[in-house]
Amino acid sequence: MKKNKSILWKICKWLALAIMILTFTNVVIPSDTFAPTLGGFPYTLWVGILVSIVLVILTFLATKLHPESKSDEV
């Protein structure tokens, strides 16, 4: 179980890094793009909210999967 936890921890680290880098590319922040909208909110806002939610969930999982954590629950 410890080896699986270590591998999942590394995956969480790389996913967080990839999401943070992707956030500042044209995928999330395109220049001069306000459409499409979702519920009246522009594209950049709802994608930013989605990225934030994904990072919070990823952070929660990473705290449970950290190799030196005392918790065995996932």
N, C-alpha and C. Protein backbone atom coordinates (compact mmCIF):
# COMPACT_ATOMS: atom_id res chain seq x y z
N MET A 1 0.82 -1.19 0.00
CA MET A 1 0.00 0.00 0.00
C MET A 1 0.87 1.26 0.00
N LYS A 2 2.01 1.21 0.68
CA LYS A 2 2.89 2.38 0.77
C LYS A 2 3.42 2.77 -0.62
N LYS A 3 3.73 1.77 -1.47
CA LYS A 3 4.24 2.08 -2.81
C LYS A 3 3.14 2.72 -3.66
N ASN A 4 1.92 2.20 -3.57
CA ASN A 4 0.80 2.79 -4.32
C ASN A 4 0.56 4.22 -3.87
N LYS A 5 0.66 4.45 -2.57
CA LYS A 5 0.45 5.78 -2.03
C LYS A 5 1.50 6.75 -2.57
N SER A 6 2.74 6.27 -2.67
CA SER A 6 3.82 7.11 -3.19
C SER A 6 3.61 7.45 -4.66
N ILE A 7 3.16 6.49 -5.43
CA ILE A 7 2.91 6.72 -6.86
C ILE A 7 1.75 7.69 -7.03
N LEU A 8 0.68 7.51 -6.27
CA LEU A 8 -0.47 8.41 -6.36
C LEU A 8 -0.09 9.82 -5.91
N TRP A 9 0.78 9.93 -4.91
CA TRP A 9 1.27 11.23 -4.45
C TRP A 9 2.01 11.94 -5.58
N LYS A 10 2.87 11.21 -6.29
CA LYS A 10 3.61 11.81 -7.41
C LYS A 10 2.67 12.24 -8.53
N ILE A 11 1.65 11.45 -8.79
CA ILE A 11 0.66 11.81 -9.81
C ILE A 11 -0.06 13.09 -9.42
N CYS A 12 -0.43 13.22 -8.15
CA CYS A 12 -1.08 14.44 -7.67
C CYS A 12 -0.18 15.65 -7.84
N LYS A 13 1.10 15.50 -7.53
CA LYS A 13 2.04 16.62 -7.69
C LYS A 13 2.13 17.05 -9.14
N TRP A 14 2.27 16.10 -10.05
CA TRP A 14 2.40 16.44 -11.47
C TRP A 14 1.11 17.01 -12.05
N LEU A 15 -0.04 16.49 -11.60
CA LEU A 15 -1.31 17.05 -12.06
C LEU A 15 -1.49 18.49 -11.60
N ALA A 16 -1.15 18.76 -10.35
CA ALA A 16 -1.25 20.13 -9.84
C ALA A 16 -0.36 21.07 -10.63
N LEU A 17 0.86 20.66 -10.90
CA LEU A 17 1.78 21.47 -11.67
C LEU A 17 1.25 21.71 -13.09
N ALA A 18 0.74 20.66 -13.72
CA ALA A 18 0.20 20.79 -15.08
C ALA A 18 -1.01 21.73 -15.11
N ILE A 19 -1.87 21.63 -14.13
CA ILE A 19 -3.06 22.49 -14.08
C ILE A 19 -2.65 23.94 -13.87
N MET A 20 -1.66 24.17 -12.99
CA MET A 20 -1.20 25.54 -12.75
C MET A 20 -0.58 26.14 -14.00
N ILE A 21 0.20 25.36 -14.73
CA ILE A 21 0.80 25.87 -15.97
C ILE A 21 -0.27 26.10 -17.02
N LEU A 22 -1.21 25.18 -17.15
CA LEU A 22 -2.29 25.29 -18.13
C LEU A 22 -3.17 26.50 -17.87
N THR A 23 -3.30 26.89 -16.61
CA THR A 23 -4.14 28.02 -16.24
C THR A 23 -3.70 29.31 -16.91
N PHE A 24 -2.40 29.47 -17.12
CA PHE A 24 -1.89 30.72 -17.68
C PHE A 24 -1.62 30.64 -19.18
N THR A 25 -2.17 29.63 -19.84
CA THR A 25 -2.05 29.54 -21.29
C THR A 25 -3.32 30.07 -21.93
N ASN A 26 -3.36 30.05 -23.25
CA ASN A 26 -4.54 30.54 -23.98
C ASN A 26 -5.75 29.63 -23.84
N VAL A 27 -5.59 28.46 -23.26
CA VAL A 27 -6.74 27.56 -23.06
C VAL A 27 -7.69 28.15 -22.04
N VAL A 28 -7.15 28.68 -20.94
CA VAL A 28 -7.98 29.22 -19.88
C VAL A 28 -8.15 30.73 -20.01
N ILE A 29 -7.12 31.43 -20.43
CA ILE A 29 -7.19 32.87 -20.55
C ILE A 29 -6.95 33.28 -22.01
N PRO A 30 -7.92 33.06 -22.88
CA PRO A 30 -7.74 33.48 -24.28
C PRO A 30 -7.87 35.00 -24.39
N SER A 31 -7.13 35.57 -25.30
CA SER A 31 -7.19 37.02 -25.47
C SER A 31 -8.45 37.42 -26.23
N ASP A 32 -9.11 38.44 -25.73
CA ASP A 32 -10.30 39.03 -26.36
C ASP A 32 -11.43 38.03 -26.58
N THR A 33 -11.62 37.10 -25.63
CA THR A 33 -12.71 36.13 -25.74
C THR A 33 -13.64 36.28 -24.55
N PHE A 34 -14.90 36.59 -24.83
CA PHE A 34 -15.89 36.71 -23.77
C PHE A 34 -17.00 35.67 -23.95
N ALA A 35 -17.00 34.99 -25.07
CA ALA A 35 -18.01 33.97 -25.34
C ALA A 35 -17.31 32.63 -25.39
N PRO A 36 -17.88 31.56 -25.06
CA PRO A 36 -19.27 31.40 -24.64
C PRO A 36 -19.46 31.85 -23.19
N THR A 37 -20.70 32.04 -22.88
CA THR A 37 -21.04 32.37 -21.50
C THR A 37 -21.85 31.23 -20.91
N LEU A 38 -21.78 31.11 -19.62
CA LEU A 38 -22.55 30.08 -18.91
C LEU A 38 -23.23 30.77 -17.75
N GLY A 39 -24.54 30.88 -17.81
CA GLY A 39 -25.29 31.57 -16.77
C GLY A 39 -24.97 33.05 -16.70
N GLY A 40 -24.59 33.63 -17.82
CA GLY A 40 -24.27 35.04 -17.86
C GLY A 40 -22.84 35.38 -17.48
N PHE A 41 -22.05 34.37 -17.10
CA PHE A 41 -20.65 34.59 -16.74
C PHE A 41 -19.76 34.31 -17.93
N PRO A 42 -18.72 35.12 -18.13
CA PRO A 42 -17.82 34.90 -19.26
C PRO A 42 -16.98 33.64 -19.10
N TYR A 43 -16.46 33.18 -20.21
CA TYR A 43 -15.67 31.95 -20.29
C TYR A 43 -14.54 31.91 -19.27
N THR A 44 -13.77 32.98 -19.18
CA THR A 44 -12.61 32.99 -18.29
C THR A 44 -13.02 32.80 -16.84
N LEU A 45 -14.13 33.38 -16.44
CA LEU A 45 -14.58 33.25 -15.05
C LEU A 45 -14.98 31.83 -14.72
N TRP A 46 -15.82 31.19 -15.55
CA TRP A 46 -16.26 29.86 -15.17
C TRP A 46 -15.18 28.82 -15.32
N VAL A 47 -14.23 29.01 -16.24
CA VAL A 47 -13.11 28.09 -16.33
C VAL A 47 -12.20 28.28 -15.11
N GLY A 48 -12.02 29.52 -14.67
CA GLY A 48 -11.23 29.78 -13.48
C GLY A 48 -11.85 29.16 -12.24
N ILE A 49 -13.15 29.22 -12.12
CA ILE A 49 -13.86 28.59 -11.00
C ILE A 49 -13.68 27.08 -11.07
N LEU A 50 -13.79 26.51 -12.24
CA LEU A 50 -13.60 25.06 -12.42
C LEU A 50 -12.18 24.64 -12.05
N VAL A 51 -11.19 25.41 -12.48
CA VAL A 51 -9.80 25.11 -12.15
C VAL A 51 -9.60 25.17 -10.63
N SER A 52 -10.19 26.16 -9.98
CA SER A 52 -10.07 26.28 -8.53
C SER A 52 -10.66 25.09 -7.81
N ILE A 53 -11.82 24.64 -8.25
CA ILE A 53 -12.47 23.48 -7.63
C ILE A 53 -11.61 22.23 -7.82
N VAL A 54 -11.07 22.05 -9.02
CA VAL A 54 -10.22 20.88 -9.28
C VAL A 54 -8.97 20.92 -8.41
N LEU A 55 -8.37 22.10 -8.24
CA LEU A 55 -7.18 22.20 -7.40
C LEU A 55 -7.49 21.95 -5.92
N VAL A 56 -8.65 22.37 -5.45
CA VAL A 56 -9.03 22.09 -4.06
C VAL A 56 -9.21 20.59 -3.85
N ILE A 57 -9.88 19.92 -4.78
CA ILE A 57 -10.06 18.47 -4.67
C ILE A 57 -8.72 17.75 -4.75
N LEU A 58 -7.87 18.19 -5.65
CA LEU A 58 -6.54 17.59 -5.79
C LEU A 58 -5.70 17.80 -4.53
N THR A 59 -5.80 18.96 -3.93
CA THR A 59 -5.09 19.23 -2.68
C THR A 59 -5.58 18.33 -1.56
N PHE A 60 -6.89 18.13 -1.47
CA PHE A 60 -7.44 17.24 -0.46
C PHE A 60 -6.92 15.81 -0.65
N LEU A 61 -6.95 15.34 -1.88
CA LEU A 61 -6.44 13.99 -2.15
C LEU A 61 -4.95 13.88 -1.84
N ALA A 62 -4.20 14.91 -2.19
CA ALA A 62 -2.75 14.88 -1.94
C ALA A 62 -2.44 14.83 -0.46
N THR A 63 -3.25 15.50 0.38
CA THR A 63 -3.00 15.44 1.82
C THR A 63 -3.26 14.04 2.36
N LYS A 64 -4.18 13.33 1.77
CA LYS A 64 -4.46 11.96 2.19
C LYS A 64 -3.42 10.97 1.66
N LEU A 65 -2.79 11.31 0.54
CA LEU A 65 -1.87 10.39 -0.12
C LEU A 65 -0.40 10.68 0.18
N HIS A 66 -0.13 11.73 0.92
CA HIS A 66 1.27 12.07 1.21
C HIS A 66 1.95 10.89 1.88
N PRO A 67 3.15 10.52 1.42
CA PRO A 67 3.82 9.32 1.95
C PRO A 67 4.07 9.35 3.45
N GLU A 68 4.22 10.51 4.05
CA GLU A 68 4.49 10.57 5.48
C GLU A 68 3.25 10.87 6.32
N SER A 69 2.07 10.84 5.70
CA SER A 69 0.87 11.12 6.46
C SER A 69 0.51 9.94 7.36
N LYS A 70 -0.13 10.24 8.45
CA LYS A 70 -0.51 9.21 9.42
C LYS A 70 -1.82 8.54 9.04
N SER A 71 -2.59 9.18 8.16
CA SER A 71 -3.89 8.68 7.76
C SER A 71 -3.77 7.53 6.76
N ASP A 72 -4.54 6.47 6.98
CA ASP A 72 -4.59 5.37 6.03
C ASP A 72 -5.88 5.38 5.24
N GLU A 73 -6.69 6.41 5.43
CA GLU A 73 -7.96 6.51 4.72
C GLU A 73 -7.78 7.24 3.41
N VAL A 74 -8.49 6.79 2.39
CA VAL A 74 -8.52 7.49 1.10
C VAL A 74 -9.94 7.47 0.62
